[in-house]
Amino acid sequence: MSKNDSEIKFSEVRRLNKNISLKECMIVQSLEETVKLYGLLEDKRFSRSEPIPSLSENEFLLMLKPELKKQQYGDIEVIKIEEEQSVFNVYYKEINNEEYLLNKEKNPILILKIEGEIPSSVKLIPLNL
């Protein structure tokens, strides 16, 4: 990578809201880790579970579960991810989500798929607080 910040491309794999004890962010690198995470996130009210994404070589998942500061029943939107010296800076903002407000849900979880080298750490940076 160059000395300048490098913007990372990502795609959204899953968005949900669940009151579960997880770290603010987690890197998932293997099928076994993915199955374990999806098992924790499974909603027992439904007979079918969410499809588990496959990971190609040089891909990993990034699970984000930031604590909301501005909106009690909001959601998050990732604006961009930049890499700086092997650290991913994840810039996000809190957004309205009518479904979460209606159901009084306040634990948004977002799973992203990223292609490239796994960072040494991840830093969540809120933009609209």
C-alpha atoms as a PDB file:
ATOM      1  CA  MET A   1       0.000   0.000   0.000  1.00  0.00           C
ATOM      2  CA  SER A   2       1.070   3.562  -0.521  1.00  0.00           C
ATOM      3  CA  LYS A   3       1.729   6.065   2.218  1.00  0.00           C
ATOM      4  CA  ASN A   4      -1.664   7.674   1.602  1.00  0.00           C
ATOM      5  CA  ASP A   5      -4.872   6.231   2.958  1.00  0.00           C
ATOM      6  CA  SER A   6      -6.234   3.589   0.626  1.00  0.00           C
ATOM      7  CA  GLU A   7     -10.007   3.233   0.252  1.00  0.00           C
ATOM      8  CA  ILE A   8     -11.272  -0.345   0.593  1.00  0.00           C
ATOM      9  CA  LYS A   9     -14.145  -1.757  -1.471  1.00  0.00           C
ATOM     10  CA  PHE A  10     -16.795  -3.722   0.397  1.00  0.00           C
ATOM     11  CA  SER A  11     -20.232  -5.238  -0.106  1.00  0.00           C
ATOM     12  CA  GLU A  12     -23.026  -5.687   2.406  1.00  0.00           C
ATOM     13  CA  VAL A  13     -23.788  -9.333   3.158  1.00  0.00           C
ATOM     14  CA  ARG A  14     -26.315  -9.093   5.981  1.00  0.00           C
ATOM     15  CA  ARG A  15     -28.081  -6.495   8.100  1.00  0.00           C
ATOM     16  CA  LEU A  16     -30.004  -7.389  11.245  1.00  0.00           C
ATOM     17  CA  ASN A  17     -30.801  -6.303  14.767  1.00  0.00           C
ATOM     18  CA  LYS A  18     -30.226  -8.625  17.702  1.00  0.00           C
ATOM     19  CA  ASN A  19     -29.517  -8.123  21.374  1.00  0.00           C
ATOM     20  CA  ILE A  20     -26.466 -10.341  21.728  1.00  0.00           C
ATOM     21  CA  SER A  21     -23.121  -9.915  23.429  1.00  0.00           C
ATOM     22  CA  LEU A  22     -20.571  -9.432  20.638  1.00  0.00           C
ATOM     23  CA  LYS A  23     -17.521  -7.250  20.206  1.00  0.00           C
ATOM     24  CA  GLU A  24     -17.956  -3.923  18.430  1.00  0.00           C
ATOM     25  CA  CYS A  25     -16.262  -5.435  15.384  1.00  0.00           C
ATOM     26  CA  MET A  26     -15.020  -8.868  14.428  1.00  0.00           C
ATOM     27  CA  ILE A  27     -13.042 -10.241  11.488  1.00  0.00           C
ATOM     28  CA  VAL A  28     -14.266 -13.614  10.193  1.00  0.00           C
ATOM     29  CA  GLN A  29     -11.778 -15.462   7.987  1.00  0.00           C
ATOM     30  CA  SER A  30     -13.006 -19.034   7.571  1.00  0.00           C
ATOM     31  CA  LEU A  31     -16.150 -21.040   6.895  1.00  0.00           C
ATOM     32  CA  GLU A  32     -15.994 -22.438  10.437  1.00  0.00           C
ATOM     33  CA  GLU A  33     -15.938 -18.924  11.945  1.00  0.00           C
ATOM     34  CA  THR A  34     -18.770 -17.854   9.606  1.00  0.00           C
ATOM     35  CA  VAL A  35     -20.941 -20.825  10.629  1.00  0.00           C
ATOM     36  CA  LYS A  36     -20.277 -20.078  14.308  1.00  0.00           C
ATOM     37  CA  LEU A  37     -21.209 -16.384  13.896  1.00  0.00           C
ATOM     38  CA  TYR A  38     -24.365 -17.174  11.904  1.00  0.00           C
ATOM     39  CA  GLY A  39     -25.328 -19.744  14.560  1.00  0.00           C
ATOM     40  CA  LEU A  40     -25.181 -16.989  17.194  1.00  0.00           C
ATOM     41  CA  LEU A  41     -27.236 -14.653  15.000  1.00  0.00           C
ATOM     42  CA  GLU A  42     -29.890 -17.247  14.098  1.00  0.00           C
ATOM     43  CA  ASP A  43     -33.473 -16.245  14.855  1.00  0.00           C
ATOM     44  CA  LYS A  44     -35.195 -19.231  16.478  1.00  0.00           C
ATOM     45  CA  ARG A  45     -38.628 -17.853  15.482  1.00  0.00           C
ATOM     46  CA  PHE A  46     -38.026 -18.919  11.888  1.00  0.00           C
ATOM     47  CA  SER A  47     -37.535 -22.477  10.633  1.00  0.00           C
ATOM     48  CA  ARG A  48     -35.115 -21.383   7.898  1.00  0.00           C
ATOM     49  CA  SER A  49     -31.887 -19.640   8.725  1.00  0.00           C
ATOM     50  CA  GLU A  50     -30.073 -17.024   6.654  1.00  0.00           C
ATOM     51  CA  PRO A  51     -27.815 -18.450   3.930  1.00  0.00           C
ATOM     52  CA  ILE A  52     -24.189 -18.580   5.007  1.00  0.00           C
ATOM     53  CA  PRO A  53     -21.964 -16.651   2.595  1.00  0.00           C
ATOM     54  CA  SER A  54     -19.020 -18.414   1.022  1.00  0.00           C
ATOM     55  CA  LEU A  55     -15.591 -16.844   1.113  1.00  0.00           C
ATOM     56  CA  SER A  56     -13.240 -17.012  -1.835  1.00  0.00           C
ATOM     57  CA  GLU A  57      -9.501 -16.863  -1.473  1.00  0.00           C
ATOM     58  CA  ASN A  58      -8.405 -13.414  -0.312  1.00  0.00           C
ATOM     59  CA  GLU A  59     -11.874 -12.544   1.112  1.00  0.00           C
ATOM     60  CA  PHE A  60     -13.078 -12.101   4.676  1.00  0.00           C
ATOM     61  CA  LEU A  61     -16.124 -10.838   6.549  1.00  0.00           C
ATOM     62  CA  LEU A  62     -16.210  -7.831   8.840  1.00  0.00           C
ATOM     63  CA  MET A  63     -19.003  -7.832  11.426  1.00  0.00           C
ATOM     64  CA  LEU A  64     -19.857  -4.416  12.916  1.00  0.00           C
ATOM     65  CA  LYS A  65     -21.985  -3.838  16.012  1.00  0.00           C
ATOM     66  CA  PRO A  66     -21.302  -0.302  17.217  1.00  0.00           C
ATOM     67  CA  GLU A  67     -23.112   1.080  20.229  1.00  0.00           C
ATOM     68  CA  LEU A  68     -25.538   3.745  19.039  1.00  0.00           C
ATOM     69  CA  LYS A  69     -24.982   7.155  20.606  1.00  0.00           C
ATOM     70  CA  LYS A  70     -27.370   9.436  18.709  1.00  0.00           C
ATOM     71  CA  GLN A  71     -30.422   7.325  17.854  1.00  0.00           C
ATOM     72  CA  GLN A  72     -31.689   4.802  20.364  1.00  0.00           C
ATOM     73  CA  TYR A  73     -33.505   2.703  17.752  1.00  0.00           C
ATOM     74  CA  GLY A  74     -31.388   3.537  14.717  1.00  0.00           C
ATOM     75  CA  ASP A  75     -29.257   1.669  12.228  1.00  0.00           C
ATOM     76  CA  ILE A  76     -25.795   2.215  10.770  1.00  0.00           C
ATOM     77  CA  GLU A  77     -24.544   3.000   7.286  1.00  0.00           C
ATOM     78  CA  VAL A  78     -20.885   2.527   6.376  1.00  0.00           C
ATOM     79  CA  ILE A  79     -19.729   5.514   4.345  1.00  0.00           C
ATOM     80  CA  LYS A  80     -16.230   4.283   3.544  1.00  0.00           C
ATOM     81  CA  ILE A  81     -13.410   2.087   4.767  1.00  0.00           C
ATOM     82  CA  GLU A  82      -9.822   3.270   4.511  1.00  0.00           C
ATOM     83  CA  GLU A  83      -6.649   1.372   5.264  1.00  0.00           C
ATOM     84  CA  GLU A  84      -3.868   3.177   7.059  1.00  0.00           C
ATOM     85  CA  GLN A  85      -0.777   1.158   8.011  1.00  0.00           C
ATOM     86  CA  SER A  86      -2.713  -2.148   8.135  1.00  0.00           C
ATOM     87  CA  VAL A  87      -5.531  -0.605  10.226  1.00  0.00           C
ATOM     88  CA  PHE A  88      -9.035  -0.329   8.771  1.00  0.00           C
ATOM     89  CA  ASN A  89     -10.758   2.945   9.597  1.00  0.00           C
ATOM     90  CA  VAL A  90     -14.488   2.294   9.179  1.00  0.00           C
ATOM     91  CA  TYR A  91     -16.403   5.556   8.792  1.00  0.00           C
ATOM     92  CA  TYR A  92     -20.102   5.176   9.531  1.00  0.00           C
ATOM     93  CA  LYS A  93     -23.137   7.215  10.448  1.00  0.00           C
ATOM     94  CA  GLU A  94     -26.233   6.463  12.457  1.00  0.00           C
ATOM     95  CA  ILE A  95     -29.386   6.503  10.342  1.00  0.00           C
ATOM     96  CA  ASN A  96     -33.134   6.167  10.871  1.00  0.00           C
ATOM     97  CA  ASN A  97     -34.710   2.744  10.522  1.00  0.00           C
ATOM     98  CA  GLU A  98     -38.497   2.734  10.828  1.00  0.00           C
ATOM     99  CA  GLU A  99     -38.664  -1.026  11.419  1.00  0.00           C
ATOM    100  CA  TYR A 100     -36.175  -0.850  14.298  1.00  0.00           C
ATOM    101  CA  LEU A 101     -38.055   2.126  15.775  1.00  0.00           C
ATOM    102  CA  LEU A 102     -41.416   0.352  15.489  1.00  0.00           C
ATOM    103  CA  ASN A 103     -40.052  -2.811  17.136  1.00  0.00           C
ATOM    104  CA  LYS A 104     -37.910  -0.899  19.684  1.00  0.00           C
ATOM    105  CA  GLU A 105     -34.742  -2.636  18.464  1.00  0.00           C
ATOM    106  CA  LYS A 106     -31.459  -0.972  19.337  1.00  0.00           C
ATOM    107  CA  ASN A 107     -28.700  -3.423  18.446  1.00  0.00           C
ATOM    108  CA  PRO A 108     -27.887  -3.078  14.727  1.00  0.00           C
ATOM    109  CA  ILE A 109     -25.439  -5.572  13.277  1.00  0.00           C
ATOM    110  CA  LEU A 110     -23.910  -5.216   9.825  1.00  0.00           C
ATOM    111  CA  ILE A 111     -21.815  -7.855   8.053  1.00  0.00           C
ATOM    112  CA  LEU A 112     -19.594  -6.772   5.162  1.00  0.00           C
ATOM    113  CA  LYS A 113     -17.564  -8.840   2.699  1.00  0.00           C
ATOM    114  CA  ILE A 114     -14.145  -7.437   1.867  1.00  0.00           C
ATOM    115  CA  GLU A 115     -11.526  -8.589  -0.607  1.00  0.00           C
ATOM    116  CA  GLY A 116      -7.872  -8.098   0.267  1.00  0.00           C
ATOM    117  CA  GLU A 117      -5.437  -8.461   3.114  1.00  0.00           C
ATOM    118  CA  ILE A 118      -6.760  -8.850   6.627  1.00  0.00           C
ATOM    119  CA  PRO A 119      -6.041  -5.733   8.714  1.00  0.00           C
ATOM    120  CA  SER A 120      -4.135  -5.823  11.990  1.00  0.00           C
ATOM    121  CA  SER A 121      -7.043  -3.987  13.639  1.00  0.00           C
ATOM    122  CA  VAL A 122     -10.294  -2.151  12.919  1.00  0.00           C
ATOM    123  CA  LYS A 123     -11.277   1.281  14.191  1.00  0.00           C
ATOM    124  CA  LEU A 124     -14.910   2.462  14.060  1.00  0.00           C
ATOM    125  CA  ILE A 125     -15.263   6.199  13.423  1.00  0.00           C
ATOM    126  CA  PRO A 126     -18.745   7.754  13.766  1.00  0.00           C
ATOM    127  CA  LEU A 127     -19.362  10.710  11.449  1.00  0.00           C
ATOM    128  CA  ASN A 128     -22.584  12.314  12.640  1.00  0.00           C
ATOM    129  CA  LEU A 129     -22.252  12.494  16.418  1.00  0.00           C
END
